[in-house]
Protein backbone atom coordinates (compact mmCIF):
# COMPACT_ATOMS: atom_id res chain seq x y z
CA MET A 1 267.55 -40.62 271.50
CA ALA A 2 267.94 -31.58 276.28
CA MET A 3 270.30 -24.53 277.47
CA SER A 4 269.09 -21.73 278.41
CA THR A 5 266.28 -23.67 278.76
CA ALA A 6 267.91 -27.00 280.77
CA ARG A 7 271.69 -26.12 281.03
CA THR A 8 273.08 -26.63 284.84
CA PRO A 9 274.39 -23.00 285.64
CA ALA A 10 277.91 -21.88 285.03
CA ARG A 11 277.56 -20.91 289.11
CA PRO A 12 277.59 -24.14 291.11
CA MET A 13 274.29 -25.29 292.75
CA ARG A 14 273.15 -24.93 295.81
CA ALA A 15 273.33 -28.10 297.80
CA ASP A 16 269.34 -27.90 298.31
CA ALA A 17 268.76 -27.03 294.69
CA ARG A 18 271.83 -29.82 293.29
CA ARG A 19 269.24 -32.36 295.35
CA ASN A 20 266.04 -31.11 293.86
CA TYR A 21 268.00 -31.33 290.16
CA ASP A 22 268.53 -34.72 290.30
CA ARG A 23 265.69 -35.61 292.38
CA LEU A 24 263.62 -34.31 289.44
CA LEU A 25 266.03 -36.37 286.77
CA THR A 26 265.80 -39.40 288.89
CA GLU A 27 262.03 -39.41 288.75
CA ALA A 28 262.13 -37.97 284.85
CA ARG A 29 263.56 -41.05 284.05
CA THR A 30 261.21 -43.40 285.84
CA ALA A 31 258.32 -41.37 284.55
CA PHE A 32 259.01 -41.29 280.96
CA ALA A 33 260.18 -44.95 281.31
CA GLU A 34 257.08 -46.24 282.65
CA HIS A 35 254.53 -43.84 280.67
CA GLY A 36 256.54 -42.42 277.70
CA THR A 37 257.74 -38.67 277.65
CA THR A 38 254.20 -37.45 277.81
CA ALA A 39 254.22 -38.33 281.62
CA SER A 40 252.86 -35.84 283.90
CA LEU A 41 255.32 -33.56 284.94
CA GLU A 42 252.68 -32.57 287.95
CA ASP A 43 253.67 -36.13 288.98
CA ILE A 44 257.48 -35.99 288.43
CA ALA A 45 257.65 -32.99 290.46
CA ARG A 46 255.57 -34.27 293.29
CA CYS A 47 257.16 -37.56 293.07
CA ALA A 48 260.44 -36.03 293.68
CA GLY A 49 259.02 -33.73 296.80
CA VAL A 50 259.05 -30.59 295.29
CA GLY A 51 256.58 -28.24 294.07
CA ILE A 52 256.14 -27.96 289.92
CA GLY A 53 257.36 -24.56 290.06
CA THR A 54 260.83 -25.99 291.16
CA LEU A 55 260.87 -28.39 288.42
CA TYR A 56 260.19 -25.28 286.01
CA ARG A 57 263.14 -23.25 286.87
CA HIS A 58 264.95 -25.96 286.93
CA PHE A 59 263.97 -27.19 283.32
CA PRO A 60 261.54 -24.57 281.76
CA THR A 61 260.23 -26.86 279.06
CA ARG A 62 259.20 -30.59 278.68
CA HIS A 63 262.12 -30.78 276.23
CA ALA A 64 264.81 -29.66 278.28
CA LEU A 65 264.04 -32.16 280.85
CA MET A 66 263.67 -34.72 278.53
CA SER A 67 267.21 -33.65 277.24
CA ALA A 68 268.58 -33.64 280.32
CA VAL A 69 267.31 -37.06 280.94
CA PHE A 70 268.80 -38.73 277.90
CA GLN A 71 272.42 -36.78 278.03
CA GLU A 72 273.63 -39.88 279.68
CA ALA A 73 272.96 -42.43 276.45
CA VAL A 74 273.58 -39.57 274.00
CA ALA A 75 277.12 -39.69 275.83
CA ASP A 76 277.13 -43.62 274.79
CA LEU A 77 276.48 -42.96 271.42
CA ILE A 78 278.45 -40.72 270.85
CA ALA A 79 281.20 -42.72 272.55
CA ARG A 80 280.29 -45.89 270.51
CA SER A 81 280.33 -43.85 267.18
CA ARG A 82 284.47 -42.92 268.38
CA GLU A 83 284.39 -46.88 268.54
CA LEU A 84 282.84 -47.67 264.98
CA ALA A 85 284.92 -45.18 263.53
CA ALA A 86 287.68 -47.10 263.20
CA ALA A 87 285.76 -50.21 262.00
CA GLU A 88 287.54 -51.76 259.00
CA ARG A 89 283.83 -51.95 257.48
CA PRO A 90 282.69 -48.03 257.60
CA CYS A 91 279.36 -48.78 256.00
CA ASP A 92 279.00 -51.63 258.84
CA GLY A 93 280.13 -49.20 261.52
CA LEU A 94 277.44 -46.72 260.18
CA VAL A 95 274.80 -48.95 260.17
CA GLU A 96 275.45 -50.62 263.55
CA TRP A 97 275.24 -46.76 264.67
CA LEU A 98 272.22 -46.32 263.60
CA GLY A 99 270.09 -49.36 264.74
CA ALA A 100 271.88 -48.39 268.49
CA ILE A 101 270.00 -44.89 267.78
CA ILE A 102 266.76 -46.92 267.15
CA THR A 103 267.29 -48.86 270.06
CA HIS A 104 267.74 -46.18 272.43
CA ALA A 105 264.79 -44.22 271.22
CA GLY A 106 262.70 -46.83 271.52
CA GLU A 107 263.18 -47.26 275.15
CA TYR A 108 260.97 -44.30 275.58
CA ARG A 109 257.37 -44.00 274.05
CA GLY A 110 257.44 -40.46 272.59
CA LEU A 111 261.30 -40.01 271.97
CA ALA A 112 261.58 -40.46 268.68
CA GLN A 113 258.83 -38.41 267.32
CA ALA A 114 259.97 -35.53 269.70
CA LEU A 115 263.42 -36.19 268.03
CA MET A 116 262.11 -36.21 264.26
CA SER A 117 260.23 -32.50 265.15
CA THR A 118 263.37 -30.60 266.43
CA CYS A 119 265.90 -32.27 264.35
CA ARG A 120 267.16 -29.15 262.75
CA ASP A 121 265.88 -26.81 265.52
CA GLU A 122 268.75 -25.01 266.88
CA THR A 123 266.26 -23.18 269.61
CA SER A 124 264.56 -26.53 270.93
CA ALA A 125 266.56 -27.89 274.22
CA LEU A 126 266.42 -30.83 272.59
CA SER A 127 269.43 -29.95 270.04
CA ARG A 128 271.70 -30.75 273.03
CA CYS A 129 270.77 -34.41 271.98
CA ASN A 130 270.32 -33.86 268.02
CA VAL A 131 273.12 -31.82 267.34
CA PRO A 132 276.05 -33.87 269.05
CA LEU A 133 274.40 -37.12 267.09
CA ARG A 134 274.20 -35.07 264.38
CA GLU A 135 278.25 -34.35 264.21
CA ALA A 136 278.82 -38.05 265.68
CA GLY A 137 277.31 -39.40 262.92
CA SER A 138 278.68 -37.03 259.99
CA VAL A 139 282.13 -38.83 261.03
CA LEU A 140 280.71 -42.64 260.76
CA LEU A 141 278.98 -41.43 256.83
CA ALA A 142 282.03 -39.47 255.51
CA ARG A 143 284.08 -42.37 255.87
CA ALA A 144 281.76 -44.41 254.42
CA ARG A 145 281.49 -42.21 251.73
CA ALA A 146 285.35 -42.40 250.92
CA GLY A 147 285.30 -45.46 250.65
CA GLY A 148 282.92 -45.82 248.25
CA ALA A 149 280.20 -47.85 250.26
CA VAL A 150 277.72 -44.91 250.64
CA ARG A 151 275.97 -42.98 247.87
CA PRO A 152 277.22 -39.19 247.46
CA ASP A 153 273.75 -38.06 247.55
CA VAL A 154 272.96 -39.66 251.09
CA SER A 155 273.17 -37.26 253.88
CA ILE A 156 273.28 -37.22 258.00
CA ASP A 157 269.96 -34.96 258.23
CA ASP A 158 268.10 -37.55 256.24
CA LEU A 159 269.75 -40.66 258.07
CA MET A 160 268.87 -39.17 261.30
CA GLN A 161 264.90 -39.08 260.58
CA LEU A 162 265.05 -41.95 259.09
CA THR A 163 266.20 -44.08 261.87
CA ASN A 164 263.85 -41.73 264.40
CA ALA A 165 261.21 -42.86 261.54
CA ILE A 166 261.75 -46.80 262.18
CA ALA A 167 262.06 -46.07 265.76
CA LEU A 168 258.29 -44.26 265.76
CA ALA A 169 257.24 -47.07 263.38
CA ALA A 170 258.29 -49.92 265.73
CA GLU A 171 256.91 -47.89 268.85
CA GLN A 172 253.72 -47.93 267.23
CA SER A 173 253.79 -51.79 266.41
CA PRO A 174 254.62 -53.63 269.66
CA ASP A 175 253.69 -56.74 268.45
CA ASP A 176 256.08 -56.64 265.69
CA PRO A 177 259.39 -56.93 266.89
CA GLY A 178 261.43 -57.72 263.93
CA LEU A 179 259.93 -54.40 262.42
CA ALA A 180 262.96 -52.51 263.15
CA GLY A 181 265.71 -54.34 261.80
CA ARG A 182 263.68 -55.12 258.86
CA LEU A 183 263.29 -51.47 257.98
CA LEU A 184 266.69 -50.78 258.97
CA THR A 185 267.44 -53.53 256.06
CA LEU A 186 265.69 -51.65 253.69
CA THR A 187 267.56 -48.46 254.81
CA VAL A 188 270.34 -50.19 254.27
CA GLN A 189 269.43 -51.29 250.78
CA GLY A 190 269.28 -47.62 249.72
CA LEU A 191 272.31 -46.69 251.05
CA ARG A 192 274.63 -48.44 249.40
CA ALA A 193 276.62 -47.07 246.29
CA ALA A 194 275.96 -49.20 243.23
CA GLN A 195 279.43 -50.44 242.96
CA SER A 196 279.54 -51.17 246.82
CA SER A 197 279.88 -54.91 247.43
CA PRO A 198 276.69 -56.94 249.09
CA SER A 199 278.96 -57.32 251.98
CA GLY A 200 279.50 -53.29 252.95
CA ASP A 201 282.75 -52.31 251.32
């Protein structure tokens, strides 16, 4: 599934500022995992042992904090996309990567909705999540298209919105753990080019 808004300054932080920054990220990860991305910023600051003003100095908006928290997961997803770019069956690689995004977005309640709402907003702090994921997915999609496995009219923007929508639907149906998988299967059926084989490429 975050910068004038949340970028670490080019100039190195003072040691105390770095400690505050790291504590805030640690507490935000915990709070987002337990309470979703709408968790109280005041509580996050309090648990980190700083005032709310310190939180806002480091992370001027909620999306800035979210983006900083999720950078490690974004890096993992990008690394996985590079591995899958060498997959023998490009469409299967693309689908596996989309599934990984759905899994990640589903780990934090509210993340899928936030990513959907800012998908094309380059001014949002969450563009630090959306933009690199869109670029990584574009490589996988282009390879699947080149192999004739995916319809030419499929866009990466549509796929990113679909994956976030699937994650959101699964989040809202916690009593149906198989929902995300079923919806992804339906999505894959719509992706495939008419001439491709049922197995993928």
